Amino acid sequence: IVALDGRQDLYLGTNHSGAQLWRALDNGATRSQLIELLVDT
């Protein structure tokens, strides 16, 4: 994931596992769901 935070004029990047978490957070997820996502993926 490559992201631009317009509030801070900051570019952000994630690795593959971070991208999985990012997409889940975009839809809304609990901490437990994120952990399960990494375990399963």
All heavy atoms as atom14 arrays in JSON, in Angstrom:
{
  "sequence": "IVALDGRQDLYLGTNHSGAQLWRALDNGATRSQLIELLVDT",
  "atom14_mask": [
    [1, 1, 1, 1, 1, 1, 1, 1, 0, 0, 0, 0, 0, 0],
    [1, 1, 1, 1, 1, 1, 1, 0, 0, 0, 0, 0, 0, 0],
    [1, 1, 1, 1, 1, 0, 0, 0, 0, 0, 0, 0, 0, 0],
    [1, 1, 1, 1, 1, 1, 1, 1, 0, 0, 0, 0, 0, 0],
    [1, 1, 1, 1, 1, 1, 1, 1, 0, 0, 0, 0, 0, 0],
    [1, 1, 1, 1, 0, 0, 0, 0, 0, 0, 0, 0, 0, 0],
    [1, 1, 1, 1, 1, 1, 1, 1, 1, 1, 1, 0, 0, 0],
    [1, 1, 1, 1, 1, 1, 1, 1, 1, 0, 0, 0, 0, 0],
    [1, 1, 1, 1, 1, 1, 1, 1, 0, 0, 0, 0, 0, 0],
    [1, 1, 1, 1, 1, 1, 1, 1, 0, 0, 0, 0, 0, 0],
    [1, 1, 1, 1, 1, 1, 1, 1, 1, 1, 1, 1, 0, 0],
    [1, 1, 1, 1, 1, 1, 1, 1, 0, 0, 0, 0, 0, 0],
    [1, 1, 1, 1, 0, 0, 0, 0, 0, 0, 0, 0, 0, 0],
    [1, 1, 1, 1, 1, 1, 1, 0, 0, 0, 0, 0, 0, 0],
    [1, 1, 1, 1, 1, 1, 1, 1, 0, 0, 0, 0, 0, 0],
    [1, 1, 1, 1, 1, 1, 1, 1, 1, 1, 0, 0, 0, 0],
    [1, 1, 1, 1, 1, 1, 0, 0, 0, 0, 0, 0, 0, 0],
    [1, 1, 1, 1, 0, 0, 0, 0, 0, 0, 0, 0, 0, 0],
    [1, 1, 1, 1, 1, 0, 0, 0, 0, 0, 0, 0, 0, 0],
    [1, 1, 1, 1, 1, 1, 1, 1, 1, 0, 0, 0, 0, 0],
    [1, 1, 1, 1, 1, 1, 1, 1, 0, 0, 0, 0, 0, 0],
    [1, 1, 1, 1, 1, 1, 1, 1, 1, 1, 1, 1, 1, 1],
    [1, 1, 1, 1, 1, 1, 1, 1, 1, 1, 1, 0, 0, 0],
    [1, 1, 1, 1, 1, 0, 0, 0, 0, 0, 0, 0, 0, 0],
    [1, 1, 1, 1, 1, 1, 1, 1, 0, 0, 0, 0, 0, 0],
    [1, 1, 1, 1, 1, 1, 1, 1, 0, 0, 0, 0, 0, 0],
    [1, 1, 1, 1, 1, 1, 1, 1, 0, 0, 0, 0, 0, 0],
    [1, 1, 1, 1, 0, 0, 0, 0, 0, 0, 0, 0, 0, 0],
    [1, 1, 1, 1, 1, 0, 0, 0, 0, 0, 0, 0, 0, 0],
    [1, 1, 1, 1, 1, 1, 1, 0, 0, 0, 0, 0, 0, 0],
    [1, 1, 1, 1, 1, 1, 1, 1, 1, 1, 1, 0, 0, 0],
    [1, 1, 1, 1, 1, 1, 0, 0, 0, 0, 0, 0, 0, 0],
    [1, 1, 1, 1, 1, 1, 1, 1, 1, 0, 0, 0, 0, 0],
    [1, 1, 1, 1, 1, 1, 1, 1, 0, 0, 0, 0, 0, 0],
    [1, 1, 1, 1, 1, 1, 1, 1, 0, 0, 0, 0, 0, 0],
    [1, 1, 1, 1, 1, 1, 1, 1, 1, 0, 0, 0, 0, 0],
    [1, 1, 1, 1, 1, 1, 1, 1, 0, 0, 0, 0, 0, 0],
    [1, 1, 1, 1, 1, 1, 1, 1, 0, 0, 0, 0, 0, 0],
    [1, 1, 1, 1, 1, 1, 1, 0, 0, 0, 0, 0, 0, 0],
    [1, 1, 1, 1, 1, 1, 1, 1, 0, 0, 0, 0, 0, 0],
    [1, 1, 1, 1, 1, 1, 1, 0, 0, 0, 0, 0, 0, 0]
  ],
  "atom14_positions": [
    [[0.85, -1.18, 0.0], [0.0, 0.0, 0.0], [0.89, 1.23, 0.0], [1.88, 1.3, 0.75], [-0.91, 0.05, 1.26], [-1.89, -1.12, 1.27], [-1.63, 1.39, 1.38], [-2.98, -1.07, 0.23], [0.0, 0.0, 0.0], [0.0, 0.0, 0.0], [0.0, 0.0, 0.0], [0.0, 0.0, 0.0], [0.0, 0.0, 0.0], [0.0, 0.0, 0.0]],
    [[0.54, 2.2, -0.83], [1.18, 3.51, -0.81], [0.07, 4.5, -0.49], [-0.98, 4.51, -1.14], [1.84, 3.85, -2.17], [2.41, 5.25, -2.15], [2.91, 2.83, -2.5], [0.0, 0.0, 0.0], [0.0, 0.0, 0.0], [0.0, 0.0, 0.0], [0.0, 0.0, 0.0], [0.0, 0.0, 0.0], [0.0, 0.0, 0.0], [0.0, 0.0, 0.0]],
    [[0.29, 5.32, 0.53], [-0.74, 6.25, 0.99], [-0.18, 7.65, 1.09], [1.01, 7.85, 1.33], [-1.27, 5.81, 2.35], [0.0, 0.0, 0.0], [0.0, 0.0, 0.0], [0.0, 0.0, 0.0], [0.0, 0.0, 0.0], [0.0, 0.0, 0.0], [0.0, 0.0, 0.0], [0.0, 0.0, 0.0], [0.0, 0.0, 0.0], [0.0, 0.0, 0.0]],
    [[-1.06, 8.62, 0.9], [-0.72, 10.02, 1.08], [-1.63, 10.59, 2.15], [-2.86, 10.57, 2.01], [-0.9, 10.8, -0.22], [-0.76, 12.32, -0.1], [0.65, 12.7, 0.37], [-1.08, 13.0, -1.41], [0.0, 0.0, 0.0], [0.0, 0.0, 0.0], [0.0, 0.0, 0.0], [0.0, 0.0, 0.0], [0.0, 0.0, 0.0], [0.0, 0.0, 0.0]],
    [[-1.02, 11.07, 3.21], [-1.76, 11.74, 4.27], [-1.71, 13.23, 3.98], [-0.68, 13.88, 4.17], [-1.13, 11.43, 5.63], [-1.84, 12.13, 6.78], [-2.82, 12.87, 6.53], [-1.4, 11.94, 7.93], [0.0, 0.0, 0.0], [0.0, 0.0, 0.0], [0.0, 0.0, 0.0], [0.0, 0.0, 0.0], [0.0, 0.0, 0.0], [0.0, 0.0, 0.0]],
    [[-2.81, 13.78, 3.47], [-2.88, 15.18, 3.1], [-2.81, 16.13, 4.28], [-2.46, 17.29, 4.12], [0.0, 0.0, 0.0], [0.0, 0.0, 0.0], [0.0, 0.0, 0.0], [0.0, 0.0, 0.0], [0.0, 0.0, 0.0], [0.0, 0.0, 0.0], [0.0, 0.0, 0.0], [0.0, 0.0, 0.0], [0.0, 0.0, 0.0], [0.0, 0.0, 0.0]],
    [[-3.15, 15.67, 5.46], [-3.06, 16.53, 6.65], [-1.62, 16.88, 6.96], [-1.33, 17.97, 7.43], [-3.66, 15.85, 7.88], [-5.15, 15.73, 7.87], [-5.6, 15.14, 9.19], [-7.02, 14.87, 9.21], [-7.63, 14.25, 10.2], [-6.95, 13.83, 11.26], [-8.94, 14.05, 10.15], [0.0, 0.0, 0.0], [0.0, 0.0, 0.0], [0.0, 0.0, 0.0]],
    [[-0.73, 15.92, 6.74], [0.66, 16.1, 7.12], [1.59, 16.14, 5.91], [2.81, 16.21, 6.08], [1.11, 14.95, 8.03], [0.28, 14.83, 9.29], [0.72, 13.67, 10.14], [1.87, 13.62, 10.55], [-0.18, 12.74, 10.4], [0.0, 0.0, 0.0], [0.0, 0.0, 0.0], [0.0, 0.0, 0.0], [0.0, 0.0, 0.0], [0.0, 0.0, 0.0]],
    [[1.03, 16.09, 4.69], [1.85, 16.0, 3.48], [2.91, 14.91, 3.63], [4.09, 15.13, 3.45], [2.51, 17.34, 3.15], [1.5, 18.37, 2.73], [0.49, 18.0, 2.11], [1.72, 19.57, 3.01], [0.0, 0.0, 0.0], [0.0, 0.0, 0.0], [0.0, 0.0, 0.0], [0.0, 0.0, 0.0], [0.0, 0.0, 0.0], [0.0, 0.0, 0.0]],
    [[2.43, 13.72, 3.96], [3.3, 12.6, 4.27], [2.93, 11.4, 3.43], [1.75, 11.03, 3.33], [3.15, 12.27, 5.77], [3.97, 11.14, 6.34], [5.46, 11.53, 6.34], [3.52, 10.85, 7.76], [0.0, 0.0, 0.0], [0.0, 0.0, 0.0], [0.0, 0.0, 0.0], [0.0, 0.0, 0.0], [0.0, 0.0, 0.0], [0.0, 0.0, 0.0]],
    [[3.94, 10.78, 2.79], [3.74, 9.51, 2.09], [4.02, 8.38, 3.04], [4.95, 8.42, 3.83], [4.69, 9.38, 0.89], [4.25, 10.17, -0.3], [4.83, 11.4, -0.6], [3.27, 9.69, -1.16], [4.43, 12.13, -1.7], [2.86, 10.41, -2.26], [3.45, 11.64, -2.52], [3.04, 12.36, -3.61], [0.0, 0.0, 0.0], [0.0, 0.0, 0.0]],
    [[3.19, 7.35, 2.96], [3.34, 6.17, 3.8], [3.37, 4.94, 2.92], [2.76, 4.93, 1.85], [2.16, 6.06, 4.77], [1.86, 7.29, 5.63], [0.45, 7.23, 6.17], [2.87, 7.39, 6.74], [0.0, 0.0, 0.0], [0.0, 0.0, 0.0], [0.0, 0.0, 0.0], [0.0, 0.0, 0.0], [0.0, 0.0, 0.0], [0.0, 0.0, 0.0]],
    [[4.02, 3.92, 3.38], [4.05, 2.67, 2.64], [3.98, 1.49, 3.59], [4.39, 1.58, 4.74], [0.0, 0.0, 0.0], [0.0, 0.0, 0.0], [0.0, 0.0, 0.0], [0.0, 0.0, 0.0], [0.0, 0.0, 0.0], [0.0, 0.0, 0.0], [0.0, 0.0, 0.0], [0.0, 0.0, 0.0], [0.0, 0.0, 0.0], [0.0, 0.0, 0.0]],
    [[3.43, 0.39, 3.1], [3.37, -0.83, 3.89], [4.0, -1.97, 3.11], [4.14, -1.91, 1.89], [1.92, -1.24, 4.2], [1.29, -1.66, 2.99], [1.13, -0.11, 4.83], [0.0, 0.0, 0.0], [0.0, 0.0, 0.0], [0.0, 0.0, 0.0], [0.0, 0.0, 0.0], [0.0, 0.0, 0.0], [0.0, 0.0, 0.0], [0.0, 0.0, 0.0]],
    [[4.33, -3.02, 3.82], [4.75, -4.26, 3.16], [3.5, -5.1, 2.9], [2.37, -4.63, 3.1], [5.78, -5.0, 4.02], [5.24, -5.37, 5.39], [4.03, -5.36, 5.65], [6.14, -5.68, 6.31], [0.0, 0.0, 0.0], [0.0, 0.0, 0.0], [0.0, 0.0, 0.0], [0.0, 0.0, 0.0], [0.0, 0.0, 0.0], [0.0, 0.0, 0.0]],
    [[3.67, -6.32, 2.49], [2.55, -7.18, 2.12], [1.6, -7.42, 3.3], [0.38, -7.32, 3.17], [3.07, -8.5, 1.55], [2.0, -9.43, 1.08], [1.1, -9.1, 0.09], [1.68, -10.68, 1.46], [0.27, -10.1, -0.11], [0.61, -11.08, 0.71], [0.0, 0.0, 0.0], [0.0, 0.0, 0.0], [0.0, 0.0, 0.0], [0.0, 0.0, 0.0]],
    [[2.15, -7.75, 4.46], [1.27, -8.0, 5.61], [0.58, -6.71, 6.06], [-0.6, -6.73, 6.42], [2.03, -8.65, 6.77], [3.09, -7.81, 7.2], [0.0, 0.0, 0.0], [0.0, 0.0, 0.0], [0.0, 0.0, 0.0], [0.0, 0.0, 0.0], [0.0, 0.0, 0.0], [0.0, 0.0, 0.0], [0.0, 0.0, 0.0], [0.0, 0.0, 0.0]],
    [[1.29, -5.6, 6.0], [0.69, -4.32, 6.33], [-0.44, -3.97, 5.37], [-1.45, -3.39, 5.77], [0.0, 0.0, 0.0], [0.0, 0.0, 0.0], [0.0, 0.0, 0.0], [0.0, 0.0, 0.0], [0.0, 0.0, 0.0], [0.0, 0.0, 0.0], [0.0, 0.0, 0.0], [0.0, 0.0, 0.0], [0.0, 0.0, 0.0], [0.0, 0.0, 0.0]],
    [[-0.3, -4.34, 4.12], [-1.35, -4.08, 3.12], [-2.61, -4.86, 3.45], [-3.73, -4.35, 3.3], [-0.85, -4.43, 1.72], [0.0, 0.0, 0.0], [0.0, 0.0, 0.0], [0.0, 0.0, 0.0], [0.0, 0.0, 0.0], [0.0, 0.0, 0.0], [0.0, 0.0, 0.0], [0.0, 0.0, 0.0], [0.0, 0.0, 0.0], [0.0, 0.0, 0.0]],
    [[-2.45, -6.09, 3.94], [-3.61, -6.88, 4.34], [-4.35, -6.19, 5.5], [-5.57, -6.08, 5.49], [-3.17, -8.29, 4.77], [-2.54, -9.11, 3.69], [-3.53, -9.52, 2.63], [-4.67, -9.83, 2.92], [-3.11, -9.52, 1.39], [0.0, 0.0, 0.0], [0.0, 0.0, 0.0], [0.0, 0.0, 0.0], [0.0, 0.0, 0.0], [0.0, 0.0, 0.0]],
    [[-3.58, -5.73, 6.47], [-4.17, -5.05, 7.61], [-4.82, -3.73, 7.2], [-5.91, -3.39, 7.65], [-3.11, -4.81, 8.69], [-2.47, -6.06, 9.3], [-1.34, -5.67, 10.25], [-3.52, -6.9, 10.01], [0.0, 0.0, 0.0], [0.0, 0.0, 0.0], [0.0, 0.0, 0.0], [0.0, 0.0, 0.0], [0.0, 0.0, 0.0], [0.0, 0.0, 0.0]],
    [[-4.15, -2.99, 6.34], [-4.66, -1.69, 5.87], [-6.03, -1.85, 5.21], [-6.96, -1.12, 5.51], [-3.66, -1.08, 4.89], [-4.0, 0.3, 4.45], [-4.91, 0.67, 3.5], [-3.45, 1.52, 4.95], [-4.94, 2.03, 3.36], [-4.05, 2.58, 4.24], [-2.48, 1.82, 5.91], [-3.74, 3.91, 4.47], [-2.15, 3.15, 6.13], [-2.78, 4.18, 5.42]],
    [[-6.14, -2.84, 4.31], [-7.41, -3.05, 3.62], [-8.52, -3.45, 4.6], [-9.65, -3.03, 4.47], [-7.26, -4.11, 2.53], [-6.5, -3.6, 1.31], [-6.69, -4.45, 0.09], [-5.76, -5.43, -0.36], [-4.43, -5.39, -0.32], [-3.8, -4.44, 0.25], [-3.71, -6.34, -0.85], [0.0, 0.0, 0.0], [0.0, 0.0, 0.0], [0.0, 0.0, 0.0]],
    [[-8.16, -4.26, 5.58], [-9.15, -4.65, 6.59], [-9.59, -3.43, 7.4], [-10.77, -3.25, 7.68], [-8.58, -5.73, 7.52], [0.0, 0.0, 0.0], [0.0, 0.0, 0.0], [0.0, 0.0, 0.0], [0.0, 0.0, 0.0], [0.0, 0.0, 0.0], [0.0, 0.0, 0.0], [0.0, 0.0, 0.0], [0.0, 0.0, 0.0], [0.0, 0.0, 0.0]],
    [[-8.65, -2.56, 7.74], [-8.97, -1.36, 8.5], [-9.77, -0.36, 7.67], [-10.55, 0.42, 8.2], [-7.69, -0.7, 9.02], [-6.99, -1.45, 10.14], [-5.58, -0.9, 10.35], [-7.81, -1.38, 11.42], [0.0, 0.0, 0.0], [0.0, 0.0, 0.0], [0.0, 0.0, 0.0], [0.0, 0.0, 0.0], [0.0, 0.0, 0.0], [0.0, 0.0, 0.0]],
    [[-9.59, -0.39, 6.38], [-10.38, 0.49, 5.51], [-11.87, 0.13, 5.61], [-12.73, 1.0, 5.53], [-9.9, 0.38, 4.06], [-10.59, 1.38, 3.15], [-10.64, 2.58, 3.49], [-11.1, 0.96, 2.1], [0.0, 0.0, 0.0], [0.0, 0.0, 0.0], [0.0, 0.0, 0.0], [0.0, 0.0, 0.0], [0.0, 0.0, 0.0], [0.0, 0.0, 0.0]],
    [[-12.15, -1.15, 5.8], [-13.53, -1.62, 5.93], [-14.01, -1.61, 7.38], [-15.2, -1.75, 7.63], [-13.67, -3.05, 5.38], [-13.46, -3.07, 3.88], [-13.97, -2.22, 3.17], [-12.67, -4.02, 3.41], [0.0, 0.0, 0.0], [0.0, 0.0, 0.0], [0.0, 0.0, 0.0], [0.0, 0.0, 0.0], [0.0, 0.0, 0.0], [0.0, 0.0, 0.0]],
    [[-13.08, -1.51, 8.31], [-13.39, -1.57, 9.73], [-13.14, -2.97, 10.26], [-13.66, -3.94, 9.71], [0.0, 0.0, 0.0], [0.0, 0.0, 0.0], [0.0, 0.0, 0.0], [0.0, 0.0, 0.0], [0.0, 0.0, 0.0], [0.0, 0.0, 0.0], [0.0, 0.0, 0.0], [0.0, 0.0, 0.0], [0.0, 0.0, 0.0], [0.0, 0.0, 0.0]],
    [[-12.32, -3.08, 11.28], [-11.97, -4.38, 11.84], [-11.56, -4.21, 13.3], [-11.06, -3.16, 13.7], [-10.82, -5.01, 11.06], [0.0, 0.0, 0.0], [0.0, 0.0, 0.0], [0.0, 0.0, 0.0], [0.0, 0.0, 0.0], [0.0, 0.0, 0.0], [0.0, 0.0, 0.0], [0.0, 0.0, 0.0], [0.0, 0.0, 0.0], [0.0, 0.0, 0.0]],
    [[-11.76, -5.26, 14.06], [-11.29, -5.27, 15.45], [-9.86, -5.79, 15.47], [-9.38, -6.41, 14.5], [-12.16, -6.19, 16.33], [-12.01, -7.54, 15.88], [-13.62, -5.77, 16.3], [0.0, 0.0, 0.0], [0.0, 0.0, 0.0], [0.0, 0.0, 0.0], [0.0, 0.0, 0.0], [0.0, 0.0, 0.0], [0.0, 0.0, 0.0], [0.0, 0.0, 0.0]],
    [[-9.2, -5.57, 16.59], [-7.84, -6.08, 16.76], [-7.83, -7.6, 16.59], [-6.96, -8.15, 15.92], [-7.33, -5.68, 18.14], [-5.94, -6.18, 18.44], [-5.49, -5.72, 19.84], [-4.22, -6.32, 20.17], [-4.07, -7.53, 20.72], [-5.13, -8.28, 21.0], [-2.87, -8.0, 20.98], [0.0, 0.0, 0.0], [0.0, 0.0, 0.0], [0.0, 0.0, 0.0]],
    [[-8.8, -8.28, 17.18], [-8.87, -9.74, 17.08], [-9.03, -10.2, 15.63], [-8.42, -11.19, 15.22], [-10.03, -10.29, 17.91], [-9.82, -10.04, 19.27], [0.0, 0.0, 0.0], [0.0, 0.0, 0.0], [0.0, 0.0, 0.0], [0.0, 0.0, 0.0], [0.0, 0.0, 0.0], [0.0, 0.0, 0.0], [0.0, 0.0, 0.0], [0.0, 0.0, 0.0]],
    [[-9.84, -9.5, 14.87], [-10.01, -9.85, 13.46], [-8.71, -9.65, 12.69], [-8.39, -10.46, 11.8], [-11.12, -9.0, 12.84], [-12.5, -9.36, 13.32], [-13.56, -8.36, 12.89], [-13.3, -7.18, 12.72], [-14.78, -8.86, 12.72], [0.0, 0.0, 0.0], [0.0, 0.0, 0.0], [0.0, 0.0, 0.0], [0.0, 0.0, 0.0], [0.0, 0.0, 0.0]],
    [[-7.96, -8.61, 13.02], [-6.69, -8.38, 12.34], [-5.68, -9.49, 12.66], [-4.96, -9.96, 11.78], [-6.12, -7.01, 12.74], [-6.96, -5.81, 12.32], [-6.38, -4.54, 12.92], [-7.08, -5.7, 10.81], [0.0, 0.0, 0.0], [0.0, 0.0, 0.0], [0.0, 0.0, 0.0], [0.0, 0.0, 0.0], [0.0, 0.0, 0.0], [0.0, 0.0, 0.0]],
    [[-5.66, -9.91, 13.91], [-4.76, -11.0, 14.3], [-5.14, -12.27, 13.56], [-4.27, -12.95, 13.0], [-4.81, -11.21, 15.83], [-4.18, -10.0, 16.54], [-4.12, -12.51, 16.23], [-4.44, -9.95, 18.03], [0.0, 0.0, 0.0], [0.0, 0.0, 0.0], [0.0, 0.0, 0.0], [0.0, 0.0, 0.0], [0.0, 0.0, 0.0], [0.0, 0.0, 0.0]],
    [[-6.42, -12.57, 13.53], [-6.89, -13.77, 12.81], [-6.54, -13.69, 11.33], [-6.14, -14.69, 10.72], [-8.4, -13.9, 12.99], [-8.98, -15.15, 12.4], [-10.47, -15.28, 12.65], [-10.98, -14.72, 13.65], [-11.13, -15.95, 11.85], [0.0, 0.0, 0.0], [0.0, 0.0, 0.0], [0.0, 0.0, 0.0], [0.0, 0.0, 0.0], [0.0, 0.0, 0.0]],
    [[-6.64, -12.5, 10.75], [-6.29, -12.32, 9.34], [-4.83, -12.68, 9.09], [-4.52, -13.41, 8.13], [-6.55, -10.86, 8.93], [-6.11, -10.45, 7.53], [-6.92, -11.2, 6.47], [-6.26, -8.94, 7.36], [0.0, 0.0, 0.0], [0.0, 0.0, 0.0], [0.0, 0.0, 0.0], [0.0, 0.0, 0.0], [0.0, 0.0, 0.0], [0.0, 0.0, 0.0]],
    [[-3.93, -12.21, 9.95], [-2.51, -12.54, 9.76], [-2.23, -14.02, 9.98], [-1.46, -14.63, 9.23], [-1.63, -11.71, 10.69], [-1.53, -10.22, 10.4], [-0.48, -9.58, 11.3], [-1.19, -9.95, 8.94], [0.0, 0.0, 0.0], [0.0, 0.0, 0.0], [0.0, 0.0, 0.0], [0.0, 0.0, 0.0], [0.0, 0.0, 0.0], [0.0, 0.0, 0.0]],
    [[-2.85, -14.6, 10.99], [-2.66, -16.03, 11.26], [-3.11, -16.85, 10.06], [-2.39, -17.75, 9.59], [-3.43, -16.46, 12.54], [-3.49, -17.97, 12.67], [-2.79, -15.84, 13.78], [0.0, 0.0, 0.0], [0.0, 0.0, 0.0], [0.0, 0.0, 0.0], [0.0, 0.0, 0.0], [0.0, 0.0, 0.0], [0.0, 0.0, 0.0], [0.0, 0.0, 0.0]],
    [[-4.29, -16.54, 9.53], [-4.84, -17.29, 8.4], [-4.08, -17.05, 7.1], [-3.85, -17.98, 6.33], [-6.31, -16.95, 8.19], [-7.2, -17.42, 9.32], [-6.75, -18.25, 10.14], [-8.35, -16.95, 9.4], [0.0, 0.0, 0.0], [0.0, 0.0, 0.0], [0.0, 0.0, 0.0], [0.0, 0.0, 0.0], [0.0, 0.0, 0.0], [0.0, 0.0, 0.0]],
    [[-3.68, -15.8, 6.85], [-3.05, -15.46, 5.58], [-1.6, -15.9, 5.51], [-1.14, -16.37, 4.47], [-3.13, -13.93, 5.34], [-4.5, -13.53, 5.39], [-2.53, -13.55, 4.0], [0.0, 0.0, 0.0], [0.0, 0.0, 0.0], [0.0, 0.0, 0.0], [0.0, 0.0, 0.0], [0.0, 0.0, 0.0], [0.0, 0.0, 0.0], [0.0, 0.0, 0.0]]
  ]
}
